[in-house]
Amino acid sequence: MSANKNIVYSRKDKKYFSYMLLRLFIISFCWFAVTGCSANAQQKIISNINSYQAEQNLNIPKDKLANPALNQQAKIINSKISDLDTNRNLSSSANANNFFESKGNAKSKKVSVGAGGAIRSYMTLIPTEKSNQLGNPLYELRLFANGQQVASYMTVSGRAHTQTRDRNRSGTEAPLPDGRYKIAKSVIRGTIPEAGDRFLGLQPTFRTGRTDLGIHYDPSFNLNNNEDGTSGCIALTNREELTQVLNFVRTYKPQFLEVSIR
């Protein structure tokens, strides 16, 4: 009789032990599932908050913000630029460094880069099929932050009658030549009235005869006063948009400007 009781208790113990193992497994599975969902949701919320904060900090109007549909295009451009950097020497000459350091005493800060030194924040200038009222071609200045296009602006470079002149020769007032430019660390006052009181210098990282290039706004945009356009710089069409671009530069420290307008 005692042996039979022991057998019964042994069977009950095994069933109870199996039940507890199954219960522990189910609880563990549910915990991991909930934790994973919570982490994904938190990551998405943080991403949305960061995106919203970036837009608020830069004070970019909604009509200037990049369409989310452009994100894939931005990734392609980002990939192409990263490939270019793999085979391109980005070191500038001592004269180029001195040029930028002499424009301001602000200490150099680390640029925004991703894992493995990938390009993250930069600007590009590309052609459009549009012109202003005086026939001066419009070029699109695109701003990329953390690998995503965040805004774009219409700009001018050169004048309507100088578009076909030699872009590498000084004094032609042609648009600035294609290539990569280092961006100044601080804003200065323009050396001519048309450059205005805020001028962001650009230094070519390639051989060219052009000097004193930069980004400013064009106070004569669409005015028939023989001053519409620039002597080769990139000009925004109004002061407000220049402010937004300068805020972007100050916030994200873009690594370069890539010009490809011909």
C-alpha atoms as a PDB file:
ATOM      1  CA  MET A   1       0.000   0.000   0.000  1.00  0.00           C
ATOM      2  CA  SER A   2       2.837   2.420   0.891  1.00  0.00           C
ATOM      3  CA  ALA A   3       4.609   1.643  -2.384  1.00  0.00           C
ATOM      4  CA  ASN A   4       1.438   2.424  -4.342  1.00  0.00           C
ATOM      5  CA  LYS A   5       1.109   5.802  -2.551  1.00  0.00           C
ATOM      6  CA  ASN A   6       4.695   6.643  -3.405  1.00  0.00           C
ATOM      7  CA  ILE A   7       4.049   5.875  -7.053  1.00  0.00           C
ATOM      8  CA  VAL A   8       0.945   8.131  -7.049  1.00  0.00           C
ATOM      9  CA  TYR A   9       2.823  10.991  -5.358  1.00  0.00           C
ATOM     10  CA  SER A  10       5.702  10.589  -7.798  1.00  0.00           C
ATOM     11  CA  ARG A  11       3.348  10.905 -10.747  1.00  0.00           C
ATOM     12  CA  LYS A  12       1.694  13.962  -9.213  1.00  0.00           C
ATOM     13  CA  ASP A  13       5.091  15.585  -8.617  1.00  0.00           C
ATOM     14  CA  LYS A  14       6.111  15.020 -12.210  1.00  0.00           C
ATOM     15  CA  LYS A  15       2.857  16.510 -13.508  1.00  0.00           C
ATOM     16  CA  TYR A  16       3.204  19.509 -11.171  1.00  0.00           C
ATOM     17  CA  PHE A  17       6.846  20.009 -12.213  1.00  0.00           C
ATOM     18  CA  SER A  18       5.889  19.827 -15.911  1.00  0.00           C
ATOM     19  CA  TYR A  19       3.069  22.299 -15.322  1.00  0.00           C
ATOM     20  CA  MET A  20       5.398  24.768 -13.600  1.00  0.00           C
ATOM     21  CA  LEU A  21       7.964  24.503 -16.411  1.00  0.00           C
ATOM     22  CA  LEU A  22       5.279  25.200 -19.018  1.00  0.00           C
ATOM     23  CA  ARG A  23       4.001  28.149 -17.003  1.00  0.00           C
ATOM     24  CA  LEU A  24       7.510  29.561 -16.620  1.00  0.00           C
ATOM     25  CA  PHE A  25       8.086  29.220 -20.377  1.00  0.00           C
ATOM     26  CA  ILE A  26       4.836  31.048 -21.210  1.00  0.00           C
ATOM     27  CA  ILE A  27       5.612  33.883 -18.759  1.00  0.00           C
ATOM     28  CA  SER A  28       9.154  34.276 -20.149  1.00  0.00           C
ATOM     29  CA  PHE A  29       7.895  34.334 -23.747  1.00  0.00           C
ATOM     30  CA  CYS A  30       5.299  36.997 -22.931  1.00  0.00           C
ATOM     31  CA  TRP A  31       7.892  39.107 -21.084  1.00  0.00           C
ATOM     32  CA  PHE A  32      10.318  39.066 -24.017  1.00  0.00           C
ATOM     33  CA  ALA A  33       7.509  39.899 -26.460  1.00  0.00           C
ATOM     34  CA  VAL A  34       6.299  42.864 -24.394  1.00  0.00           C
ATOM     35  CA  THR A  35       9.850  44.134 -23.835  1.00  0.00           C
ATOM     36  CA  GLY A  36      10.636  43.971 -27.561  1.00  0.00           C
ATOM     37  CA  CYS A  37       7.481  45.851 -28.541  1.00  0.00           C
ATOM     38  CA  SER A  38       8.123  48.465 -25.879  1.00  0.00           C
ATOM     39  CA  ALA A  39      11.695  49.017 -27.103  1.00  0.00           C
ATOM     40  CA  ASN A  40      10.569  49.388 -30.720  1.00  0.00           C
ATOM     41  CA  ALA A  41       7.832  51.818 -29.740  1.00  0.00           C
ATOM     42  CA  GLN A  42      10.244  53.845 -27.612  1.00  0.00           C
ATOM     43  CA  GLN A  43      12.777  53.993 -30.440  1.00  0.00           C
ATOM     44  CA  LYS A  44      10.102  55.187 -32.890  1.00  0.00           C
ATOM     45  CA  ILE A  45       8.870  57.824 -30.438  1.00  0.00           C
ATOM     46  CA  ILE A  46      12.419  59.110 -29.852  1.00  0.00           C
ATOM     47  CA  SER A  47      13.013  59.246 -33.603  1.00  0.00           C
ATOM     48  CA  ASN A  48       9.827  61.241 -34.136  1.00  0.00           C
ATOM     49  CA  ILE A  49      10.696  63.590 -31.270  1.00  0.00           C
ATOM     50  CA  ASN A  50      14.206  64.177 -32.652  1.00  0.00           C
ATOM     51  CA  SER A  51      12.775  64.910 -36.098  1.00  0.00           C
ATOM     52  CA  TYR A  52      10.224  67.314 -34.638  1.00  0.00           C
ATOM     53  CA  GLN A  53      12.845  69.057 -32.494  1.00  0.00           C
ATOM     54  CA  ALA A  54      15.154  69.465 -35.481  1.00  0.00           C
ATOM     55  CA  GLU A  55      12.386  71.162 -37.451  1.00  0.00           C
ATOM     56  CA  GLN A  56      11.544  73.424 -34.523  1.00  0.00           C
ATOM     57  CA  ASN A  57      15.188  74.370 -33.823  1.00  0.00           C
ATOM     58  CA  LEU A  58      15.840  75.235 -37.463  1.00  0.00           C
ATOM     59  CA  ASN A  59      12.550  77.183 -37.783  1.00  0.00           C
ATOM     60  CA  ILE A  60      12.076  75.886 -41.321  1.00  0.00           C
ATOM     61  CA  PRO A  61       8.614  76.573 -42.803  1.00  0.00           C
ATOM     62  CA  LYS A  62       6.629  73.516 -43.838  1.00  0.00           C
ATOM     63  CA  ASP A  63       6.825  74.427 -47.520  1.00  0.00           C
ATOM     64  CA  LYS A  64      10.633  74.266 -47.319  1.00  0.00           C
ATOM     65  CA  LEU A  65      10.799  70.923 -45.504  1.00  0.00           C
ATOM     66  CA  ALA A  66      11.717  67.918 -47.592  1.00  0.00           C
ATOM     67  CA  ASN A  67       8.883  65.604 -48.554  1.00  0.00           C
ATOM     68  CA  PRO A  68       9.190  62.235 -46.729  1.00  0.00           C
ATOM     69  CA  ALA A  69       8.998  60.609 -50.156  1.00  0.00           C
ATOM     70  CA  LEU A  70      12.455  62.074 -50.858  1.00  0.00           C
ATOM     71  CA  ASN A  71      14.062  60.047 -48.072  1.00  0.00           C
ATOM     72  CA  GLN A  72      14.861  57.154 -50.390  1.00  0.00           C
ATOM     73  CA  GLN A  73      16.388  59.548 -52.914  1.00  0.00           C
ATOM     74  CA  ALA A  74      18.382  61.141 -50.113  1.00  0.00           C
ATOM     75  CA  LYS A  75      19.725  57.735 -49.093  1.00  0.00           C
ATOM     76  CA  ILE A  76      20.834  57.077 -52.680  1.00  0.00           C
ATOM     77  CA  ILE A  77      22.611  60.446 -52.856  1.00  0.00           C
ATOM     78  CA  ASN A  78      24.175  59.816 -49.455  1.00  0.00           C
ATOM     79  CA  SER A  79      25.450  56.431 -50.657  1.00  0.00           C
ATOM     80  CA  LYS A  80      26.925  57.911 -53.829  1.00  0.00           C
ATOM     81  CA  ILE A  81      28.711  60.660 -51.909  1.00  0.00           C
ATOM     82  CA  SER A  82      30.078  58.109 -49.449  1.00  0.00           C
ATOM     83  CA  ASP A  83      31.428  56.082 -52.383  1.00  0.00           C
ATOM     84  CA  LEU A  84      33.084  59.201 -53.777  1.00  0.00           C
ATOM     85  CA  ASP A  85      34.786  59.824 -50.457  1.00  0.00           C
ATOM     86  CA  THR A  86      36.228  56.337 -50.433  1.00  0.00           C
ATOM     87  CA  ASN A  87      38.355  57.230 -53.437  1.00  0.00           C
ATOM     88  CA  ARG A  88      38.807  60.959 -52.860  1.00  0.00           C
ATOM     89  CA  ASN A  89      41.398  62.709 -50.739  1.00  0.00           C
ATOM     90  CA  LEU A  90      39.497  65.201 -48.579  1.00  0.00           C
ATOM     91  CA  SER A  91      42.514  66.894 -47.023  1.00  0.00           C
ATOM     92  CA  SER A  92      42.689  70.608 -47.789  1.00  0.00           C
ATOM     93  CA  SER A  93      45.825  72.686 -48.282  1.00  0.00           C
ATOM     94  CA  ALA A  94      47.271  74.757 -45.452  1.00  0.00           C
ATOM     95  CA  ASN A  95      46.187  77.926 -47.254  1.00  0.00           C
ATOM     96  CA  ALA A  96      42.573  76.729 -47.363  1.00  0.00           C
ATOM     97  CA  ASN A  97      42.617  75.998 -43.630  1.00  0.00           C
ATOM     98  CA  ASN A  98      44.155  79.383 -42.873  1.00  0.00           C
ATOM     99  CA  PHE A  99      41.518  81.081 -45.013  1.00  0.00           C
ATOM    100  CA  PHE A 100      38.707  79.698 -42.867  1.00  0.00           C
ATOM    101  CA  GLU A 101      40.416  80.051 -39.512  1.00  0.00           C
ATOM    102  CA  SER A 102      41.124  83.727 -40.255  1.00  0.00           C
ATOM    103  CA  LYS A 103      37.408  84.434 -40.707  1.00  0.00           C
ATOM    104  CA  GLY A 104      36.589  83.654 -37.081  1.00  0.00           C
ATOM    105  CA  ASN A 105      38.088  82.469 -33.808  1.00  0.00           C
ATOM    106  CA  ALA A 106      35.431  79.868 -33.041  1.00  0.00           C
ATOM    107  CA  LYS A 107      36.927  76.537 -32.051  1.00  0.00           C
ATOM    108  CA  SER A 108      36.502  73.696 -34.495  1.00  0.00           C
ATOM    109  CA  LYS A 109      33.828  71.183 -33.499  1.00  0.00           C
ATOM    110  CA  LYS A 110      33.475  67.583 -34.552  1.00  0.00           C
ATOM    111  CA  VAL A 111      31.289  67.144 -37.610  1.00  0.00           C
ATOM    112  CA  SER A 112      28.334  64.795 -37.565  1.00  0.00           C
ATOM    113  CA  VAL A 113      29.447  61.377 -38.787  1.00  0.00           C
ATOM    114  CA  GLY A 114      27.974  57.927 -38.572  1.00  0.00           C
ATOM    115  CA  ALA A 115      29.549  54.584 -37.789  1.00  0.00           C
ATOM    116  CA  GLY A 116      32.786  54.058 -39.657  1.00  0.00           C
ATOM    117  CA  GLY A 117      33.068  57.750 -40.520  1.00  0.00           C
ATOM    118  CA  ALA A 118      30.142  57.748 -42.965  1.00  0.00           C
ATOM    119  CA  ILE A 119      28.970  61.063 -44.353  1.00  0.00           C
ATOM    120  CA  ARG A 120      25.948  62.281 -42.377  1.00  0.00           C
ATOM    121  CA  SER A 121      25.379  66.047 -42.784  1.00  0.00           C
ATOM    122  CA  TYR A 122      26.127  68.048 -45.919  1.00  0.00           C
ATOM    123  CA  MET A 123      24.635  70.265 -48.638  1.00  0.00           C
ATOM    124  CA  THR A 124      24.244  69.862 -52.397  1.00  0.00           C
ATOM    125  CA  LEU A 125      23.526  72.293 -55.228  1.00  0.00           C
ATOM    126  CA  ILE A 126      21.783  70.917 -58.316  1.00  0.00           C
ATOM    127  CA  PRO A 127      20.157  72.456 -61.419  1.00  0.00           C
ATOM    128  CA  THR A 128      16.433  72.902 -61.978  1.00  0.00           C
ATOM    129  CA  GLU A 129      14.441  73.674 -65.096  1.00  0.00           C
ATOM    130  CA  LYS A 130      13.247  76.962 -63.591  1.00  0.00           C
ATOM    131  CA  SER A 131      14.373  80.569 -64.004  1.00  0.00           C
ATOM    132  CA  ASN A 132      13.393  83.804 -62.288  1.00  0.00           C
ATOM    133  CA  GLN A 133      11.498  86.620 -64.022  1.00  0.00           C
ATOM    134  CA  LEU A 134      14.716  87.955 -65.581  1.00  0.00           C
ATOM    135  CA  GLY A 135      15.767  84.611 -67.044  1.00  0.00           C
ATOM    136  CA  ASN A 136      18.381  83.819 -64.392  1.00  0.00           C
ATOM    137  CA  PRO A 137      18.468  80.020 -63.836  1.00  0.00           C
ATOM    138  CA  LEU A 138      17.432  78.756 -60.404  1.00  0.00           C
ATOM    139  CA  TYR A 139      19.530  76.152 -58.607  1.00  0.00           C
ATOM    140  CA  GLU A 140      18.233  73.990 -55.772  1.00  0.00           C
ATOM    141  CA  LEU A 141      20.191  74.009 -52.520  1.00  0.00           C
ATOM    142  CA  ARG A 142      19.444  70.823 -50.578  1.00  0.00           C
ATOM    143  CA  LEU A 143      20.229  70.358 -46.882  1.00  0.00           C
ATOM    144  CA  PHE A 144      20.972  66.887 -45.498  1.00  0.00           C
ATOM    145  CA  ALA A 145      21.070  66.153 -41.755  1.00  0.00           C
ATOM    146  CA  ASN A 146      21.799  62.741 -40.271  1.00  0.00           C
ATOM    147  CA  GLY A 147      21.539  61.137 -43.697  1.00  0.00           C
ATOM    148  CA  GLN A 148      18.097  62.605 -44.458  1.00  0.00           C
ATOM    149  CA  GLN A 149      17.152  65.545 -46.666  1.00  0.00           C
ATOM    150  CA  VAL A 150      15.515  68.070 -44.343  1.00  0.00           C
ATOM    151  CA  ALA A 151      14.959  71.107 -46.570  1.00  0.00           C
ATOM    152  CA  SER A 152      15.587  72.675 -49.972  1.00  0.00           C
ATOM    153  CA  TYR A 153      15.722  76.226 -51.307  1.00  0.00           C
ATOM    154  CA  MET A 154      15.782  77.972 -54.667  1.00  0.00           C
ATOM    155  CA  THR A 155      18.983  79.962 -55.236  1.00  0.00           C
ATOM    156  CA  VAL A 156      20.854  81.810 -57.979  1.00  0.00           C
ATOM    157  CA  SER A 157      24.529  81.703 -58.930  1.00  0.00           C
ATOM    158  CA  GLY A 158      25.983  84.058 -61.511  1.00  0.00           C
ATOM    159  CA  ARG A 159      23.767  86.198 -63.706  1.00  0.00           C
ATOM    160  CA  ALA A 160      21.418  85.455 -66.607  1.00  0.00           C
ATOM    161  CA  HIS A 161      24.012  86.559 -69.194  1.00  0.00           C
ATOM    162  CA  THR A 162      27.056  84.892 -67.535  1.00  0.00           C
ATOM    163  CA  GLN A 163      25.856  81.290 -67.327  1.00  0.00           C
ATOM    164  CA  THR A 164      28.004  80.027 -70.225  1.00  0.00           C
ATOM    165  CA  ARG A 165      31.222  81.820 -69.275  1.00  0.00           C
ATOM    166  CA  ASP A 166      34.337  80.063 -67.962  1.00  0.00           C
ATOM    167  CA  ARG A 167      33.420  79.068 -64.414  1.00  0.00           C
ATOM    168  CA  ASN A 168      37.030  78.486 -63.362  1.00  0.00           C
ATOM    169  CA  ARG A 169      38.347  81.901 -64.382  1.00  0.00           C
ATOM    170  CA  SER A 170      38.233  84.839 -62.001  1.00  0.00           C
ATOM    171  CA  GLY A 171      36.198  87.906 -62.982  1.00  0.00           C
ATOM    172  CA  THR A 172      33.725  86.135 -65.275  1.00  0.00           C
ATOM    173  CA  GLU A 173      30.792  86.350 -62.819  1.00  0.00           C
ATOM    174  CA  ALA A 174      29.822  82.869 -64.005  1.00  0.00           C
ATOM    175  CA  PRO A 175      28.195  80.370 -61.610  1.00  0.00           C
ATOM    176  CA  LEU A 176      30.601  78.682 -59.234  1.00  0.00           C
ATOM    177  CA  PRO A 177      32.332  75.595 -60.698  1.00  0.00           C
ATOM    178  CA  ASP A 178      31.259  72.023 -59.965  1.00  0.00           C
ATOM    179  CA  GLY A 179      33.077  70.261 -57.160  1.00  0.00           C
ATOM    180  CA  ARG A 180      33.337  69.997 -53.409  1.00  0.00           C
ATOM    181  CA  TYR A 181      33.664  72.988 -51.104  1.00  0.00           C
ATOM    182  CA  LYS A 182      34.681  73.353 -47.497  1.00  0.00           C
ATOM    183  CA  ILE A 183      32.213  75.442 -45.490  1.00  0.00           C
ATOM    184  CA  ALA A 184      33.390  78.271 -43.237  1.00  0.00           C
ATOM    185  CA  LYS A 185      32.940  77.896 -39.485  1.00  0.00           C
ATOM    186  CA  SER A 186      31.576  81.398 -38.978  1.00  0.00           C
ATOM    187  CA  VAL A 187      29.618  84.113 -40.776  1.00  0.00           C
ATOM    188  CA  ILE A 188      31.223  87.429 -41.770  1.00  0.00           C
ATOM    189  CA  ARG A 189      30.062  90.637 -43.427  1.00  0.00           C
ATOM    190  CA  GLY A 190      30.174  90.639 -47.215  1.00  0.00           C
ATOM    191  CA  THR A 191      32.885  92.702 -48.904  1.00  0.00           C
ATOM    192  CA  ILE A 192      30.394  94.237 -51.378  1.00  0.00           C
ATOM    193  CA  PRO A 193      26.881  95.620 -50.731  1.00  0.00           C
ATOM    194  CA  GLU A 194      25.206  92.870 -52.775  1.00  0.00           C
ATOM    195  CA  ALA A 195      26.737  90.223 -50.472  1.00  0.00           C
ATOM    196  CA  GLY A 196      24.946  91.718 -47.481  1.00  0.00           C
ATOM    197  CA  ASP A 197      25.860  91.649 -43.807  1.00  0.00           C
ATOM    198  CA  ARG A 198      25.935  87.829 -43.508  1.00  0.00           C
ATOM    199  CA  PHE A 199      28.315  85.914 -45.736  1.00  0.00           C
ATOM    200  CA  LEU A 200      29.182  82.211 -45.288  1.00  0.00           C
ATOM    201  CA  GLY A 201      32.481  81.496 -47.010  1.00  0.00           C
ATOM    202  CA  LEU A 202      33.077  78.528 -49.317  1.00  0.00           C
ATOM    203  CA  GLN A 203      36.560  77.225 -50.109  1.00  0.00           C
ATOM    204  CA  PRO A 204      37.067  74.910 -53.130  1.00  0.00           C
ATOM    205  CA  THR A 205      38.909  71.682 -52.351  1.00  0.00           C
ATOM    206  CA  PHE A 206      40.035  71.506 -55.996  1.00  0.00           C
ATOM    207  CA  ARG A 207      42.189  73.659 -58.272  1.00  0.00           C
ATOM    208  CA  THR A 208      40.364  76.697 -59.677  1.00  0.00           C
ATOM    209  CA  GLY A 209      40.940  80.375 -60.335  1.00  0.00           C
ATOM    210  CA  ARG A 210      37.786  81.407 -58.439  1.00  0.00           C
ATOM    211  CA  THR A 211      38.084  82.998 -55.007  1.00  0.00           C
ATOM    212  CA  ASP A 212      35.882  84.763 -52.450  1.00  0.00           C
ATOM    213  CA  LEU A 213      32.937  82.431 -53.047  1.00  0.00           C
ATOM    214  CA  GLY A 214      30.215  81.981 -50.463  1.00  0.00           C
ATOM    215  CA  ILE A 215      26.540  81.844 -49.563  1.00  0.00           C
ATOM    216  CA  HIS A 216      24.459  84.981 -48.956  1.00  0.00           C
ATOM    217  CA  TYR A 217      21.153  86.398 -50.112  1.00  0.00           C
ATOM    218  CA  ASP A 218      20.465  88.445 -53.244  1.00  0.00           C
ATOM    219  CA  PRO A 219      18.868  91.819 -52.386  1.00  0.00           C
ATOM    220  CA  SER A 220      18.333  92.442 -56.124  1.00  0.00           C
ATOM    221  CA  PHE A 221      16.548  89.166 -56.861  1.00  0.00           C
ATOM    222  CA  ASN A 222      14.034  89.711 -59.682  1.00  0.00           C
ATOM    223  CA  LEU A 223      14.859  93.445 -59.789  1.00  0.00           C
ATOM    224  CA  ASN A 224      15.645  94.946 -63.194  1.00  0.00           C
ATOM    225  CA  ASN A 225      18.653  96.923 -61.917  1.00  0.00           C
ATOM    226  CA  ASN A 226      21.496  94.998 -63.601  1.00  0.00           C
ATOM    227  CA  GLU A 227      22.347  93.444 -60.213  1.00  0.00           C
ATOM    228  CA  ASP A 228      20.022  90.416 -60.233  1.00  0.00           C
ATOM    229  CA  GLY A 229      22.066  87.307 -59.417  1.00  0.00           C
ATOM    230  CA  THR A 230      25.620  87.110 -58.094  1.00  0.00           C
ATOM    231  CA  SER A 231      29.246  87.340 -59.159  1.00  0.00           C
ATOM    232  CA  GLY A 232      29.486  83.575 -58.680  1.00  0.00           C
ATOM    233  CA  CYS A 233      28.322  83.009 -55.108  1.00  0.00           C
ATOM    234  CA  ILE A 234      25.206  81.075 -54.130  1.00  0.00           C
ATOM    235  CA  ALA A 235      22.420  83.465 -53.155  1.00  0.00           C
ATOM    236  CA  LEU A 236      19.111  82.774 -51.438  1.00  0.00           C
ATOM    237  CA  THR A 237      16.163  84.818 -52.687  1.00  0.00           C
ATOM    238  CA  ASN A 238      15.421  86.499 -49.326  1.00  0.00           C
ATOM    239  CA  ARG A 239      16.876  87.129 -45.868  1.00  0.00           C
ATOM    240  CA  GLU A 240      14.529  84.728 -44.061  1.00  0.00           C
ATOM    241  CA  GLU A 241      15.684  81.726 -46.071  1.00  0.00           C
ATOM    242  CA  LEU A 242      19.324  82.699 -45.549  1.00  0.00           C
ATOM    243  CA  THR A 243      18.637  82.699 -41.800  1.00  0.00           C
ATOM    244  CA  GLN A 244      17.218  79.176 -42.032  1.00  0.00           C
ATOM    245  CA  VAL A 245      20.249  77.907 -43.960  1.00  0.00           C
ATOM    246  CA  LEU A 246      22.654  79.504 -41.480  1.00  0.00           C
ATOM    247  CA  ASN A 247      20.706  77.907 -38.602  1.00  0.00           C
ATOM    248  CA  PHE A 248      21.140  74.538 -40.309  1.00  0.00           C
ATOM    249  CA  VAL A 249      24.881  75.103 -40.694  1.00  0.00           C
ATOM    250  CA  ARG A 250      25.250  76.145 -37.060  1.00  0.00           C
ATOM    251  CA  THR A 251      23.193  73.192 -35.784  1.00  0.00           C
ATOM    252  CA  TYR A 252      24.449  70.309 -37.927  1.00  0.00           C
ATOM    253  CA  LYS A 253      27.986  71.416 -38.936  1.00  0.00           C
ATOM    254  CA  PRO A 254      27.694  70.088 -42.528  1.00  0.00           C
ATOM    255  CA  GLN A 255      30.931  68.516 -43.710  1.00  0.00           C
ATOM    256  CA  PHE A 256      30.884  69.970 -47.203  1.00  0.00           C
ATOM    257  CA  LEU A 257      28.903  71.425 -50.089  1.00  0.00           C
ATOM    258  CA  GLU A 258      28.791  69.341 -53.291  1.00  0.00           C
ATOM    259  CA  VAL A 259      28.058  71.434 -56.406  1.00  0.00           C
ATOM    260  CA  SER A 260      26.856  69.692 -59.557  1.00  0.00           C
ATOM    261  CA  ILE A 261      25.022  72.214 -61.752  1.00  0.00           C
ATOM    262  CA  ARG A 262      26.456  71.597 -65.220  1.00  0.00           C
END
